[in-house]
Amino acid sequence: MHFLNHHTRWIGWHDESNQVELRVATPVDPLQQIEIFREISDKQIYVINKDEDFFLWFHAWGGDALIREELMEKNEFLSSWLKPYPR
């Protein structure tokens, strides 16, 4: 089982009653994120720059990771988080 979390930004409402937000993933400054992560956690964070690294992280390593935007865009599962989705 994989748990996926990411930074998002609000882009509107999904429903007419304004109860379900419509959000998209937000690109982050990787150096700043690494620094913040180091301040709040004693765990490691993976920096995923290549397809092979992504495969290993997703299927074996798990844990917290920063993933290069180009990898997000070309991966069918991850690219869905770059489009608006209800939350």
N, C-alpha and C. Protein backbone atom coordinates (compact mmCIF):
# COMPACT_ATOMS: atom_id res chain seq x y z
N MET A 1 0.85 -1.17 0.00
CA MET A 1 0.00 0.00 0.00
C MET A 1 0.90 1.24 0.00
N HIS A 2 0.53 2.22 -0.80
CA HIS A 2 1.28 3.47 -0.88
C HIS A 2 0.42 4.60 -0.36
N PHE A 3 1.03 5.50 0.38
CA PHE A 3 0.36 6.70 0.84
C PHE A 3 0.99 7.86 0.10
N LEU A 4 0.16 8.65 -0.56
CA LEU A 4 0.68 9.75 -1.36
C LEU A 4 0.14 11.05 -0.81
N ASN A 5 1.03 11.95 -0.52
CA ASN A 5 0.64 13.27 -0.03
C ASN A 5 1.48 14.28 -0.79
N HIS A 6 0.95 15.45 -0.95
CA HIS A 6 1.69 16.47 -1.67
C HIS A 6 1.12 17.84 -1.34
N HIS A 7 1.87 18.86 -1.70
CA HIS A 7 1.37 20.22 -1.53
C HIS A 7 0.37 20.50 -2.64
N THR A 8 -0.73 21.14 -2.28
CA THR A 8 -1.75 21.47 -3.26
C THR A 8 -2.13 22.93 -3.15
N ARG A 9 -2.81 23.42 -4.18
CA ARG A 9 -3.38 24.75 -4.12
C ARG A 9 -4.83 24.69 -4.57
N TRP A 10 -5.64 25.53 -3.97
CA TRP A 10 -7.07 25.60 -4.25
C TRP A 10 -7.27 26.34 -5.55
N ILE A 11 -8.14 25.81 -6.44
CA ILE A 11 -8.41 26.51 -7.70
C ILE A 11 -9.90 26.77 -7.91
N GLY A 12 -10.73 26.37 -6.96
CA GLY A 12 -12.16 26.63 -7.08
C GLY A 12 -12.96 25.56 -6.35
N TRP A 13 -14.24 25.58 -6.63
CA TRP A 13 -15.15 24.62 -5.99
C TRP A 13 -15.55 23.53 -6.98
N HIS A 14 -15.68 22.32 -6.49
CA HIS A 14 -16.07 21.18 -7.31
C HIS A 14 -17.59 21.08 -7.43
N ASP A 15 -18.30 21.60 -6.45
CA ASP A 15 -19.75 21.47 -6.41
C ASP A 15 -20.41 22.83 -6.23
N GLU A 16 -21.72 22.88 -6.49
CA GLU A 16 -22.47 24.13 -6.39
C GLU A 16 -22.66 24.60 -4.96
N SER A 17 -22.59 23.70 -4.01
CA SER A 17 -22.80 24.08 -2.61
C SER A 17 -21.50 24.55 -1.93
N ASN A 18 -20.41 24.62 -2.70
CA ASN A 18 -19.11 25.08 -2.18
C ASN A 18 -18.65 24.28 -0.96
N GLN A 19 -18.79 22.96 -1.03
CA GLN A 19 -18.36 22.11 0.07
C GLN A 19 -17.17 21.23 -0.29
N VAL A 20 -16.94 21.02 -1.59
CA VAL A 20 -15.83 20.18 -2.01
C VAL A 20 -14.86 21.05 -2.83
N GLU A 21 -13.63 21.17 -2.32
CA GLU A 21 -12.64 21.99 -3.00
C GLU A 21 -12.09 21.29 -4.23
N LEU A 22 -11.69 22.07 -5.21
CA LEU A 22 -11.00 21.58 -6.39
C LEU A 22 -9.55 22.02 -6.25
N ARG A 23 -8.61 21.05 -6.25
CA ARG A 23 -7.21 21.35 -5.96
C ARG A 23 -6.30 20.73 -7.02
N VAL A 24 -5.10 21.28 -7.15
CA VAL A 24 -4.06 20.71 -8.02
C VAL A 24 -2.75 20.68 -7.24
N ALA A 25 -1.87 19.78 -7.64
CA ALA A 25 -0.55 19.71 -7.02
C ALA A 25 0.21 21.00 -7.31
N THR A 26 1.02 21.41 -6.36
CA THR A 26 1.79 22.64 -6.49
C THR A 26 3.28 22.32 -6.55
N PRO A 27 3.95 22.84 -7.58
CA PRO A 27 5.41 22.67 -7.60
C PRO A 27 6.02 23.36 -6.38
N VAL A 28 7.12 22.83 -5.88
CA VAL A 28 7.78 23.39 -4.71
C VAL A 28 9.25 23.67 -5.02
N ASP A 29 9.86 24.50 -4.22
CA ASP A 29 11.29 24.75 -4.30
C ASP A 29 11.98 23.58 -3.59
N PRO A 30 12.68 22.71 -4.32
CA PRO A 30 13.22 21.50 -3.69
C PRO A 30 14.20 21.77 -2.57
N LEU A 31 15.07 22.75 -2.73
CA LEU A 31 16.04 23.03 -1.66
C LEU A 31 15.34 23.51 -0.39
N GLN A 32 14.33 24.35 -0.57
CA GLN A 32 13.57 24.83 0.58
C GLN A 32 12.82 23.68 1.25
N GLN A 33 12.23 22.80 0.46
CA GLN A 33 11.50 21.66 1.01
C GLN A 33 12.41 20.72 1.78
N ILE A 34 13.61 20.49 1.26
CA ILE A 34 14.56 19.64 1.97
C ILE A 34 14.93 20.26 3.30
N GLU A 35 15.17 21.56 3.31
CA GLU A 35 15.52 22.26 4.55
C GLU A 35 14.38 22.18 5.56
N ILE A 36 13.15 22.42 5.11
CA ILE A 36 11.99 22.33 6.00
C ILE A 36 11.85 20.91 6.54
N PHE A 37 12.00 19.93 5.67
CA PHE A 37 11.88 18.54 6.07
C PHE A 37 12.91 18.19 7.14
N ARG A 38 14.13 18.66 6.95
CA ARG A 38 15.19 18.39 7.93
C ARG A 38 14.88 19.01 9.29
N GLU A 39 14.22 20.16 9.28
CA GLU A 39 13.88 20.84 10.53
C GLU A 39 12.78 20.13 11.30
N ILE A 40 11.86 19.46 10.59
CA ILE A 40 10.70 18.88 11.27
C ILE A 40 10.75 17.36 11.39
N SER A 41 11.72 16.72 10.77
CA SER A 41 11.74 15.26 10.78
C SER A 41 13.17 14.74 10.88
N ASP A 42 13.29 13.57 11.49
CA ASP A 42 14.61 12.93 11.52
C ASP A 42 14.70 11.79 10.51
N LYS A 43 13.68 11.67 9.65
CA LYS A 43 13.68 10.64 8.61
C LYS A 43 14.43 11.13 7.38
N GLN A 44 14.76 10.21 6.50
CA GLN A 44 15.39 10.59 5.24
C GLN A 44 14.32 11.01 4.23
N ILE A 45 14.74 11.78 3.26
CA ILE A 45 13.86 12.15 2.15
C ILE A 45 14.59 11.79 0.86
N TYR A 46 13.89 11.12 -0.03
CA TYR A 46 14.47 10.74 -1.32
C TYR A 46 14.28 11.88 -2.32
N VAL A 47 15.28 12.10 -3.14
CA VAL A 47 15.19 13.04 -4.24
C VAL A 47 15.20 12.20 -5.51
N ILE A 48 14.07 12.19 -6.19
CA ILE A 48 13.87 11.30 -7.34
C ILE A 48 14.05 12.10 -8.62
N ASN A 49 15.13 11.77 -9.36
CA ASN A 49 15.45 12.49 -10.59
C ASN A 49 15.36 11.63 -11.85
N LYS A 50 15.33 10.29 -11.69
CA LYS A 50 15.36 9.40 -12.85
C LYS A 50 14.24 8.38 -12.76
N ASP A 51 13.85 7.84 -13.91
CA ASP A 51 12.80 6.81 -13.95
C ASP A 51 13.15 5.63 -13.06
N GLU A 52 14.41 5.20 -13.09
CA GLU A 52 14.82 4.04 -12.30
C GLU A 52 14.66 4.32 -10.80
N ASP A 53 15.02 5.52 -10.38
CA ASP A 53 14.86 5.90 -8.97
C ASP A 53 13.39 5.92 -8.58
N PHE A 54 12.56 6.46 -9.49
CA PHE A 54 11.13 6.50 -9.19
C PHE A 54 10.57 5.09 -9.03
N PHE A 55 10.94 4.20 -9.94
CA PHE A 55 10.45 2.83 -9.86
C PHE A 55 10.83 2.20 -8.52
N LEU A 56 12.10 2.34 -8.14
CA LEU A 56 12.55 1.76 -6.87
C LEU A 56 11.84 2.39 -5.68
N TRP A 57 11.70 3.71 -5.69
CA TRP A 57 11.02 4.39 -4.58
C TRP A 57 9.57 3.92 -4.47
N PHE A 58 8.87 3.91 -5.61
CA PHE A 58 7.44 3.60 -5.59
C PHE A 58 7.17 2.14 -5.24
N HIS A 59 8.02 1.23 -5.72
CA HIS A 59 7.76 -0.19 -5.54
C HIS A 59 8.54 -0.86 -4.41
N ALA A 60 9.58 -0.19 -3.90
CA ALA A 60 10.39 -0.83 -2.87
C ALA A 60 10.68 0.05 -1.67
N TRP A 61 11.22 1.23 -1.90
CA TRP A 61 11.68 2.05 -0.78
C TRP A 61 10.54 2.68 0.01
N GLY A 62 9.64 3.38 -0.69
CA GLY A 62 8.57 4.12 -0.01
C GLY A 62 9.15 5.28 0.79
N GLY A 63 8.33 5.95 1.53
CA GLY A 63 8.78 7.06 2.35
C GLY A 63 8.60 8.40 1.65
N ASP A 64 9.15 9.43 2.27
CA ASP A 64 9.02 10.79 1.75
C ASP A 64 9.96 11.01 0.58
N ALA A 65 9.48 11.75 -0.43
CA ALA A 65 10.29 11.98 -1.62
C ALA A 65 9.91 13.29 -2.30
N LEU A 66 10.90 13.89 -2.90
CA LEU A 66 10.70 14.99 -3.85
C LEU A 66 10.89 14.38 -5.22
N ILE A 67 9.90 14.58 -6.11
CA ILE A 67 9.95 13.94 -7.43
C ILE A 67 10.01 15.03 -8.49
N ARG A 68 10.97 14.88 -9.38
CA ARG A 68 11.14 15.85 -10.48
C ARG A 68 9.83 15.98 -11.26
N GLU A 69 9.48 17.22 -11.59
CA GLU A 69 8.22 17.50 -12.27
C GLU A 69 8.06 16.72 -13.57
N GLU A 70 9.14 16.59 -14.34
CA GLU A 70 9.07 15.86 -15.61
C GLU A 70 8.66 14.40 -15.40
N LEU A 71 9.11 13.80 -14.30
CA LEU A 71 8.72 12.43 -14.00
C LEU A 71 7.24 12.37 -13.63
N MET A 72 6.78 13.37 -12.90
CA MET A 72 5.35 13.43 -12.55
C MET A 72 4.50 13.50 -13.82
N GLU A 73 4.92 14.35 -14.74
CA GLU A 73 4.13 14.59 -15.95
C GLU A 73 4.04 13.36 -16.84
N LYS A 74 5.11 12.56 -16.93
CA LYS A 74 5.08 11.42 -17.85
C LYS A 74 4.59 10.12 -17.22
N ASN A 75 4.37 10.11 -15.90
CA ASN A 75 3.86 8.92 -15.23
C ASN A 75 2.33 9.00 -15.18
N GLU A 76 1.67 7.97 -15.71
CA GLU A 76 0.21 7.99 -15.82
C GLU A 76 -0.47 8.20 -14.46
N PHE A 77 -0.02 7.49 -13.44
CA PHE A 77 -0.64 7.61 -12.12
C PHE A 77 -0.37 8.98 -11.51
N LEU A 78 0.90 9.39 -11.48
CA LEU A 78 1.25 10.65 -10.83
C LEU A 78 0.72 11.87 -11.58
N SER A 79 0.64 11.81 -12.89
CA SER A 79 0.18 12.96 -13.66
C SER A 79 -1.27 13.31 -13.34
N SER A 80 -2.03 12.35 -12.85
CA SER A 80 -3.42 12.65 -12.48
C SER A 80 -3.49 13.67 -11.35
N TRP A 81 -2.45 13.75 -10.52
CA TRP A 81 -2.43 14.73 -9.42
C TRP A 81 -2.13 16.13 -9.91
N LEU A 82 -1.68 16.28 -11.16
CA LEU A 82 -1.39 17.60 -11.70
C LEU A 82 -2.63 18.24 -12.31
N LYS A 83 -3.70 17.45 -12.46
CA LYS A 83 -4.96 17.97 -12.99
C LYS A 83 -5.89 18.25 -11.82
N PRO A 84 -6.85 19.16 -12.00
CA PRO A 84 -7.80 19.43 -10.91
C PRO A 84 -8.52 18.17 -10.46
N TYR A 85 -8.67 18.01 -9.15
CA TYR A 85 -9.38 16.88 -8.58
C TYR A 85 -10.10 17.31 -7.32
N PRO A 86 -11.27 16.72 -7.05
CA PRO A 86 -12.00 17.09 -5.83
C PRO A 86 -11.32 16.56 -4.58
N ARG A 87 -11.39 17.34 -3.53
CA ARG A 87 -10.79 16.91 -2.27
C ARG A 87 -11.69 17.31 -1.13
